[in-house]
Amino acid sequence: METQFGILSDDVDGVNETFSFTPAGDGHDLFYTSNLQFSAGECLSTKLFNSGGGQATNQFEEALLYEPTSSSVIFASILEEGALNGFNQQDNDFEMIVLENGHGTDTSSTPYYFYVELQ
C-alpha cells in the first residue's frame, strides 16, 4: 500500500508507522459496517489527536479495511456521540486522515469518496 502511494519503507510518516494492530482496549472499539462485525482491535488502526494534542482513549479512532477482490483500501473513522473537542479545539463527530504522496514537487491530488453509515 505504501508503494502505491509513493511512500518509502523508511518514511517516518508511512502507513506502518501510523496504523498498527493493537490489542482490544488499546486499538479501535468494536464496530459494524453493514452486517459485518469488526471486533475491538481486529484491524490496523490509529487514534487521532484530541483538543489536548494527544491520543485520547476511545476517541477519534480510525481503522483500515481492505477488500481483497478489488484491492480497495477503506479508511474507516468511527463516529463519536456527544460533544468531543478535536484537534482544532471545536466539537467534532470524527477525525480522519488519508494518504497523499506530497513528496518533493508532487502536486497531484488523490480523489477520496466519503460515505456515512448511520443506524
Protein backbone atom coordinates (compact mmCIF):
# COMPACT_ATOMS: atom_id res chain seq x y z
CA MET A 1 0.00 0.00 0.00
CA GLU A 2 2.84 2.39 0.75
CA THR A 3 4.34 1.72 -2.68
CA GLN A 4 1.01 2.51 -4.35
CA PHE A 5 1.06 5.98 -2.75
CA GLY A 6 4.77 6.67 -3.28
CA ILE A 7 5.67 6.18 0.38
CA LEU A 8 9.14 4.77 1.02
CA SER A 9 9.53 1.97 3.55
CA ASP A 10 11.74 4.17 5.76
CA ASP A 11 9.48 7.27 5.66
CA VAL A 12 8.62 8.35 9.20
CA ASP A 13 5.05 9.20 8.21
CA GLY A 14 4.09 5.98 6.44
CA VAL A 15 1.18 3.60 6.84
CA ASN A 16 3.12 1.15 9.02
CA GLU A 17 4.27 3.97 11.30
CA THR A 18 0.76 5.40 11.69
CA PHE A 19 -1.56 2.35 11.69
CA SER A 20 -0.89 -0.77 13.74
CA PHE A 21 -2.54 -3.81 15.28
CA THR A 22 -3.11 -3.18 18.96
CA PRO A 23 -4.89 -5.40 21.46
CA ALA A 24 -8.52 -4.81 22.40
CA GLY A 25 -8.71 -1.90 24.80
CA ASP A 26 -5.79 -0.13 23.11
CA GLY A 27 -6.98 -0.42 19.49
CA HIS A 28 -10.28 0.60 17.95
CA ASP A 29 -13.64 -0.21 19.53
CA LEU A 30 -15.96 -2.89 18.17
CA PHE A 31 -17.86 -1.55 15.15
CA TYR A 32 -20.18 -2.70 12.39
CA THR A 33 -20.34 -1.87 8.73
CA SER A 34 -23.47 -3.20 7.08
CA ASN A 35 -23.92 -6.64 8.67
CA LEU A 36 -20.21 -7.25 9.32
CA GLN A 37 -18.86 -7.00 12.84
CA PHE A 38 -15.27 -5.94 13.44
CA SER A 39 -14.08 -6.91 16.91
CA ALA A 40 -12.14 -4.46 19.05
CA GLY A 41 -8.53 -4.27 17.85
CA GLU A 42 -9.16 -6.53 14.81
CA CYS A 43 -7.99 -4.03 12.17
CA LEU A 44 -4.93 -1.87 11.70
CA SER A 45 -5.90 1.35 13.45
CA THR A 46 -4.76 4.64 14.90
CA LYS A 47 -6.13 7.20 17.32
CA LEU A 48 -6.11 10.80 16.17
CA PHE A 49 -5.39 13.86 18.28
CA ASN A 50 -7.88 15.40 20.67
CA SER A 51 -8.02 19.00 21.85
CA GLY A 52 -5.14 18.38 24.26
CA GLY A 53 -2.85 17.42 21.39
CA GLY A 54 -2.64 13.75 22.39
CA GLN A 55 -4.36 10.47 21.67
CA ALA A 56 -7.41 10.02 23.88
CA THR A 57 -8.72 6.63 24.95
CA ASN A 58 -11.75 5.54 22.88
CA GLN A 59 -11.96 8.80 20.93
CA PHE A 60 -11.29 9.62 17.28
CA GLU A 61 -10.41 6.09 16.20
CA GLU A 62 -9.67 5.23 12.57
CA ALA A 63 -9.34 1.72 11.14
CA LEU A 64 -8.01 0.47 7.82
CA LEU A 65 -10.21 -2.02 5.97
CA TYR A 66 -9.14 -3.99 2.91
CA GLU A 67 -11.38 -5.51 0.25
CA PRO A 68 -9.31 -8.26 -1.43
CA THR A 69 -11.40 -8.75 -4.59
CA SER A 70 -10.83 -5.20 -5.85
CA SER A 71 -7.74 -4.47 -3.71
CA SER A 72 -9.59 -1.48 -2.27
CA VAL A 73 -8.45 0.18 0.93
CA ILE A 74 -11.09 1.81 3.10
CA PHE A 75 -10.25 4.39 5.75
CA ALA A 76 -12.99 3.94 8.36
CA SER A 77 -13.49 6.58 11.02
CA ILE A 78 -15.72 5.60 13.91
CA LEU A 79 -18.34 8.28 14.59
CA GLU A 80 -18.38 9.70 18.11
CA GLU A 81 -21.52 10.52 20.07
CA GLY A 82 -21.59 13.58 22.27
CA ALA A 83 -19.50 16.70 22.39
CA LEU A 84 -15.81 15.98 21.90
CA ASN A 85 -13.18 18.61 21.30
CA GLY A 86 -10.98 17.63 18.40
CA PHE A 87 -7.54 18.73 17.27
CA ASN A 88 -8.93 22.19 16.41
CA GLN A 89 -10.50 22.83 19.85
CA GLN A 90 -14.00 22.53 18.33
CA ASP A 91 -16.79 19.94 18.66
CA ASN A 92 -16.19 17.09 16.19
CA ASP A 93 -18.04 13.85 15.47
CA PHE A 94 -15.00 12.26 13.81
CA GLU A 95 -11.45 12.88 12.69
CA MET A 96 -9.81 11.13 9.77
CA ILE A 97 -6.50 11.01 7.95
CA VAL A 98 -5.92 9.61 4.46
CA LEU A 99 -2.86 9.00 2.30
CA GLU A 100 -1.37 11.56 -0.06
CA ASN A 101 2.06 11.41 -1.66
CA GLY A 102 3.16 15.05 -1.46
CA HIS A 103 6.89 14.33 -1.82
CA GLY A 104 9.04 16.98 -3.45
CA THR A 105 7.28 18.64 -6.37
CA ASP A 106 4.35 16.18 -6.50
CA THR A 107 1.30 18.44 -6.53
CA SER A 108 -1.22 15.93 -7.89
CA SER A 109 -4.12 15.04 -5.64
CA THR A 110 -5.85 11.76 -4.86
CA PRO A 111 -9.67 11.70 -5.02
CA TYR A 112 -11.40 10.22 -1.96
CA TYR A 113 -15.09 9.41 -1.66
CA PHE A 114 -16.84 9.70 1.70
CA TYR A 115 -19.78 7.56 2.78
CA VAL A 116 -21.58 7.69 6.09
CA GLU A 117 -23.44 4.76 7.57
CA LEU A 118 -25.90 5.73 10.28
CA GLN A 119 -28.02 3.43 12.41
